Protein backbone atom coordinates (compact mmCIF):
# COMPACT_ATOMS: atom_id res chain seq x y z
CA MET A 1 83.93 61.71 -10.31
CA GLU A 2 83.63 61.58 -6.52
CA THR A 3 83.48 57.78 -6.64
CA GLU A 4 86.65 57.56 -8.73
CA THR A 5 88.45 59.99 -6.44
CA SER A 6 87.48 58.01 -3.34
CA PHE A 7 88.59 54.75 -4.98
CA PHE A 8 92.04 56.15 -5.77
CA GLN A 9 92.43 56.90 -2.09
CA ILE A 10 92.15 53.18 -1.27
CA ALA A 11 95.62 51.69 -0.89
CA PRO A 12 96.33 48.72 -3.19
CA PRO A 13 97.29 45.38 -1.61
CA VAL A 14 101.04 45.31 -0.96
CA PHE A 15 102.88 42.11 -1.89
CA ASP A 16 105.56 40.85 0.50
CA GLY A 17 106.28 37.50 -1.13
CA GLU A 18 103.69 35.53 0.87
CA ASN A 19 100.19 34.31 -0.07
CA TYR A 20 100.62 35.03 -3.75
CA GLN A 21 97.27 33.53 -4.81
CA LEU A 22 95.34 35.75 -2.42
CA TRP A 23 97.29 38.84 -3.43
CA ALA A 24 96.88 38.09 -7.16
CA VAL A 25 93.09 37.93 -6.88
CA ARG A 26 92.91 41.21 -4.98
CA MET A 27 95.40 42.93 -7.28
CA GLU A 28 93.60 41.82 -10.44
CA THR A 29 90.36 43.28 -9.07
CA TYR A 30 92.14 46.50 -8.18
CA LEU A 31 93.63 46.86 -11.68
CA GLU A 32 90.26 46.15 -13.30
CA ALA A 33 88.69 48.93 -11.25
CA LEU A 34 91.38 51.29 -12.55
CA ASP A 35 90.84 50.05 -16.12
CA LEU A 36 94.45 48.83 -16.24
CA TRP A 37 94.03 45.04 -16.21
CA GLU A 38 93.79 44.83 -20.01
CA VAL A 39 97.30 46.32 -20.25
CA VAL A 40 98.71 43.72 -17.85
CA GLU A 41 96.87 40.81 -19.46
CA GLU A 42 97.50 41.57 -23.15
CA ASP A 43 100.43 44.01 -23.29
CA TYR A 44 99.31 45.52 -26.59
CA GLU A 45 101.72 47.34 -28.84
CA ILE A 46 101.29 51.05 -29.49
CA PRO A 47 101.81 51.78 -33.19
CA PRO A 48 103.53 55.05 -34.11
CA LEU A 49 101.40 57.94 -35.21
CA PRO A 50 100.95 58.47 -38.97
CA ASN A 51 102.07 61.63 -40.67
CA ASN A 52 98.65 63.17 -41.06
CA THR A 53 97.30 62.56 -37.56
CA THR A 54 93.98 63.71 -36.26
CA MET A 55 93.24 64.94 -32.77
CA ALA A 56 91.37 61.72 -32.03
CA GLN A 57 94.39 59.61 -33.02
CA ILE A 58 96.71 61.69 -30.88
CA LYS A 59 94.36 61.40 -27.91
CA SER A 60 94.00 57.61 -28.30
CA HIS A 61 97.77 57.18 -28.68
CA ARG A 62 98.39 59.20 -25.55
CA GLU A 63 95.77 57.32 -23.52
CA LYS A 64 97.21 53.91 -24.45
CA LYS A 65 100.71 55.00 -23.57
CA THR A 66 99.55 56.51 -20.29
CA ARG A 67 97.66 53.35 -19.32
CA LYS A 68 100.74 51.18 -19.90
CA SER A 69 102.86 53.51 -17.77
CA LYS A 70 100.23 53.60 -14.99
CA ALA A 71 99.95 49.79 -14.92
CA LYS A 72 103.72 49.35 -14.63
CA ALA A 73 104.03 52.09 -12.01
CA THR A 74 101.22 50.52 -9.98
CA LEU A 75 102.92 47.11 -9.92
CA PHE A 76 106.24 48.73 -8.96
CA ASP A 77 104.53 50.57 -6.14
CA ILE A 78 102.83 47.58 -4.46
CA VAL A 79 105.89 45.36 -3.83
CA LEU A 80 108.51 45.53 -1.12
CA THR A 81 111.99 46.85 -1.90
CA THR A 82 113.53 43.37 -1.93
CA ILE A 83 111.07 42.31 -4.66
CA PHE A 84 111.33 45.60 -6.55
CA THR A 85 115.07 45.10 -7.14
CA ARG A 86 114.22 41.93 -9.08
CA ILE A 87 111.61 43.47 -11.35
CA MET A 88 112.90 47.04 -11.87
CA SER A 89 114.66 46.10 -15.13
CA LEU A 90 111.50 44.68 -16.73
CA LYS A 91 109.99 46.81 -19.49
CA SER A 92 106.24 46.25 -19.29
CA ALA A 93 103.54 45.58 -16.74
CA LYS A 94 102.86 42.15 -18.27
CA GLU A 95 106.51 41.15 -17.84
CA VAL A 96 106.34 42.19 -14.19
CA TRP A 97 103.11 40.25 -13.62
CA ASP A 98 104.40 37.11 -15.33
CA TYR A 99 107.64 37.23 -13.35
CA LEU A 100 105.82 37.48 -10.01
CA LYS A 101 103.53 34.62 -10.99
CA GLU A 102 106.40 32.37 -12.05
CA GLU A 103 108.52 33.26 -9.04
CA TYR A 104 105.98 33.07 -6.24
CA ALA A 105 103.10 30.89 -7.45
CA ARG A 106 103.64 27.32 -6.38
CA ASP A 107 103.93 24.64 -9.02
CA GLU A 108 100.97 22.44 -9.89
CA ARG A 109 102.05 19.42 -7.86
CA ILE A 110 102.45 21.42 -4.66
CA GLN A 111 99.08 23.06 -5.25
CA ASP A 112 97.44 19.66 -5.66
CA MET A 113 98.91 18.53 -2.35
CA GLN A 114 97.66 21.68 -0.66
CA VAL A 115 94.17 21.15 -2.06
CA LEU A 116 94.09 17.55 -0.83
CA ASN A 117 95.18 18.60 2.66
CA LEU A 118 92.56 21.33 2.79
CA ILE A 119 89.78 19.01 1.61
CA ARG A 120 90.82 16.45 4.23
CA GLU A 121 90.70 19.18 6.86
CA PHE A 122 87.23 20.18 5.62
CA GLU A 123 85.92 16.62 5.88
CA LEU A 124 87.18 16.28 9.47
CA GLN A 125 85.35 19.36 10.73
CA ARG A 126 82.55 18.93 13.26
CA MET A 127 80.45 21.56 14.99
CA LYS A 128 81.25 22.01 18.67
CA GLU A 129 78.54 22.30 21.30
CA SER A 130 79.85 25.73 22.32
CA GLU A 131 79.83 27.08 18.75
CA THR A 132 77.14 29.06 16.98
CA ILE A 133 76.02 28.37 13.43
CA LYS A 134 77.84 31.49 12.21
CA GLU A 135 81.10 30.50 13.89
CA TYR A 136 80.94 26.99 12.43
CA SER A 137 80.02 28.16 8.91
CA ASP A 138 82.79 30.78 8.98
CA ARG A 139 85.28 28.07 9.89
CA LEU A 140 84.15 25.90 6.99
CA LEU A 141 84.13 28.79 4.52
CA GLY A 142 87.64 29.76 5.57
CA ILE A 143 88.89 26.34 4.43
CA VAL A 144 86.77 26.40 1.26
CA ASN A 145 88.07 29.82 0.23
CA LYS A 146 91.65 28.57 0.49
CA VAL A 147 90.75 25.69 -1.82
CA ARG A 148 89.16 28.07 -4.32
CA LEU A 149 92.17 30.38 -4.27
CA LEU A 150 94.31 27.45 -5.38
CA GLY A 151 92.17 27.14 -8.52
CA THR A 152 89.96 24.22 -7.47
CA LYS A 153 86.17 24.44 -7.73
CA PHE A 154 84.24 23.85 -4.53
CA LEU A 155 80.44 23.99 -4.79
CA ASP A 156 78.21 25.47 -2.09
CA SER A 157 76.08 22.32 -2.23
CA ARG A 158 78.98 20.43 -0.71
CA ILE A 159 79.07 22.86 2.20
CA VAL A 160 75.29 22.45 2.65
CA GLU A 161 75.65 18.67 2.86
CA LYS A 162 78.49 19.04 5.36
CA ILE A 163 76.47 21.29 7.67
CA LEU A 164 73.38 19.06 7.52
CA VAL A 165 75.40 16.04 8.59
CA THR A 166 77.61 17.58 11.27
CA VAL A 167 75.38 19.97 13.27
CA PRO A 168 74.20 18.77 16.72
CA GLU A 169 70.80 17.15 17.28
CA ILE A 170 69.29 20.35 18.69
CA TYR A 171 68.94 21.59 15.09
CA GLU A 172 67.09 18.47 13.96
CA ALA A 173 63.71 20.23 14.07
CA SER A 174 64.80 22.89 11.59
CA ILE A 175 66.37 20.31 9.29
CA THR A 176 63.17 18.24 9.34
CA THR A 177 61.10 21.30 8.48
CA LEU A 178 63.37 22.08 5.54
CA GLU A 179 63.13 18.51 4.29
CA ASN A 180 59.33 18.68 4.39
CA THR A 181 59.01 22.08 2.72
CA LYS A 182 61.93 22.40 0.30
CA ASP A 183 63.87 20.42 -2.26
CA MET A 184 67.09 19.72 -0.36
CA SER A 185 69.02 19.21 -3.60
CA LYS A 186 68.30 22.84 -4.54
CA ILE A 187 68.50 24.59 -1.19
CA THR A 188 71.12 27.33 -1.04
CA LEU A 189 73.72 27.82 1.65
CA ALA A 190 72.13 31.13 2.68
CA GLU A 191 68.69 29.51 3.14
CA LEU A 192 70.11 26.75 5.30
CA LEU A 193 72.11 29.13 7.49
CA ASN A 194 69.13 31.46 7.93
CA ALA A 195 66.86 28.58 9.02
CA LEU A 196 69.40 27.21 11.53
CA GLN A 197 70.23 30.65 12.90
CA ALA A 198 66.51 31.40 13.37
CA GLN A 199 66.10 28.28 15.53
CA GLU A 200 69.28 29.21 17.41
CA GLN A 201 67.92 32.67 18.19
CA ARG A 202 64.59 31.26 19.42
CA ARG A 203 66.40 28.82 21.70
CA LEU A 204 68.57 31.59 23.16
CA MET A 205 65.53 33.79 23.76
CA ARG A 206 63.76 30.97 25.64
CA GLN A 207 66.84 30.46 27.78
CA ASP A 208 66.99 34.17 28.58
CA ARG A 209 63.32 34.20 29.63
CA HIS A 210 63.89 31.15 31.82
CA VAL A 211 66.81 32.81 33.56
CA GLU A 212 64.88 36.06 34.05
CA GLY A 213 61.94 34.12 35.57
CA ALA A 214 64.20 32.18 37.93
CA LEU A 215 65.92 35.25 39.35
CA PRO A 216 62.84 36.81 41.08
CA ALA A 217 61.91 33.45 42.62
CA LYS A 218 65.40 33.07 44.01
CA HIS A 219 65.23 36.63 45.29
CA GLU A 220 61.93 35.93 47.04
CA ASP A 221 63.24 32.77 48.70
CA GLY A 222 66.24 34.68 49.92
CA GLY A 223 63.97 37.34 51.43
CA ARG A 224 61.96 34.72 53.30
CA TYR A 225 65.14 33.19 54.65
CA LYS A 226 66.33 36.56 55.88
CA LYS A 227 63.01 37.22 57.58
CA LYS A 228 63.17 33.91 59.41
CA LYS A 229 66.77 34.53 60.30
CA ASN A 230 66.11 38.04 61.63
CA LYS A 231 62.91 37.08 63.53
CA LYS A 232 63.56 37.39 67.24
CA TYR A 233 62.49 34.73 69.77
CA ARG A 234 59.39 35.74 71.67
CA PRO A 235 58.48 33.62 74.70
CA ALA A 236 54.92 32.59 75.55
CA ASP A 237 52.80 34.82 77.75
CA GLY A 238 52.97 32.62 80.83
CA GLU A 239 56.66 31.99 80.47
CA GLY A 240 57.31 35.68 80.02
CA ALA A 241 55.27 36.61 83.06
CA THR A 242 57.04 34.02 85.20
CA ARG A 243 60.45 35.26 84.12
CA LYS A 244 59.39 38.85 84.70
CA ASN A 245 58.11 38.14 88.22
CA LYS A 246 61.14 36.05 89.00
CA SER A 247 63.55 38.75 87.95
CA LYS A 248 61.51 41.31 89.89
CA THR A 249 61.59 39.15 93.03
CA CYS A 250 65.26 38.47 92.68
CA SER A 251 66.03 42.10 92.15
CA SER A 252 63.81 43.14 95.02
CA LYS A 253 65.68 40.98 97.55
CA GLY A 254 68.72 43.12 97.41
CA ASN A 255 66.81 46.41 97.82
CA TYR A 256 65.95 46.08 101.58
CA PRO A 257 68.40 46.46 104.52
CA PRO A 258 68.50 43.82 107.30
CA CYS A 259 65.33 43.80 109.43
CA LYS A 260 65.77 45.46 112.85
CA HIS A 261 63.40 42.91 114.40
CA CYS A 262 64.70 39.60 113.04
CA GLY A 263 67.88 40.55 111.18
CA LYS A 264 66.81 38.96 107.92
CA THR A 265 67.15 40.61 104.53
CA GLY A 266 64.88 40.60 101.49
CA GLN A 267 61.73 41.88 103.15
CA ALA A 268 60.32 45.16 104.35
CA THR A 269 60.51 45.88 108.10
CA TYR A 270 56.78 46.52 108.40
CA LYS A 271 56.07 42.99 107.14
CA CYS A 272 58.12 41.24 109.80
CA TRP A 273 56.01 39.12 112.19
CA LYS A 274 58.40 39.63 115.07
CA ARG A 275 57.71 43.32 115.35
CA SER A 276 55.90 44.38 118.51
CA ASP A 277 52.79 45.65 116.79
CA ALA A 278 52.34 42.61 114.51
CA LYS A 279 48.84 41.06 114.59
């Protein structure tokens, strides 16, 4: 009971006049889930009740009548107002369904042209280097589903052959393994995609490990460069001593006043040889 209640809360697909084939498939499934598709497909007649009716006959008669009303009401409810004005005078759900099909389903010749264009588009597909297996398979399946909606059969084996031929060479190892271990004429689309995606994941993991290993090395080289760059210049011992003595001598010359004996600067008075007590 809870499942039925939750299903009734799901809104049916609304038809706006576009993509009739897609809408028809979804709507048929919806009506089947509600146990109303039989009414739309067959449009059975409800015989009048006999004079001496039983409770079971009355219940069956009421259920059939209710189902027909529900099916018609459901179809009225899932179309836009512009479409509803065209079908509101129809008496049964089957009449409504047949009218929509005749009005909006394309004729057979146009469908054949569409199928040919889609198959041509499918044959021209190639996997790009930047694509993943899932992205490429989704692109192919999108075209295939359009072909199937137009009523044309399209086997999965054809998709398998397409993928085997058009994937890049980096997947050659997985394809070779499959050829050696499985019958390629019986391999399913799911098996092929799983094998190719497994190799894809391994390749991505190896690339991630390579990048993670390269980052610390680059970091270390950068640290060495900074150390060299920040290392200050230190002169040799002799050179440093010479510069130190030189700067001391130069600075000391300006610290003494002119000598009272000889008048020269840059030396202490007691060191002058012209003083009277010099020996």
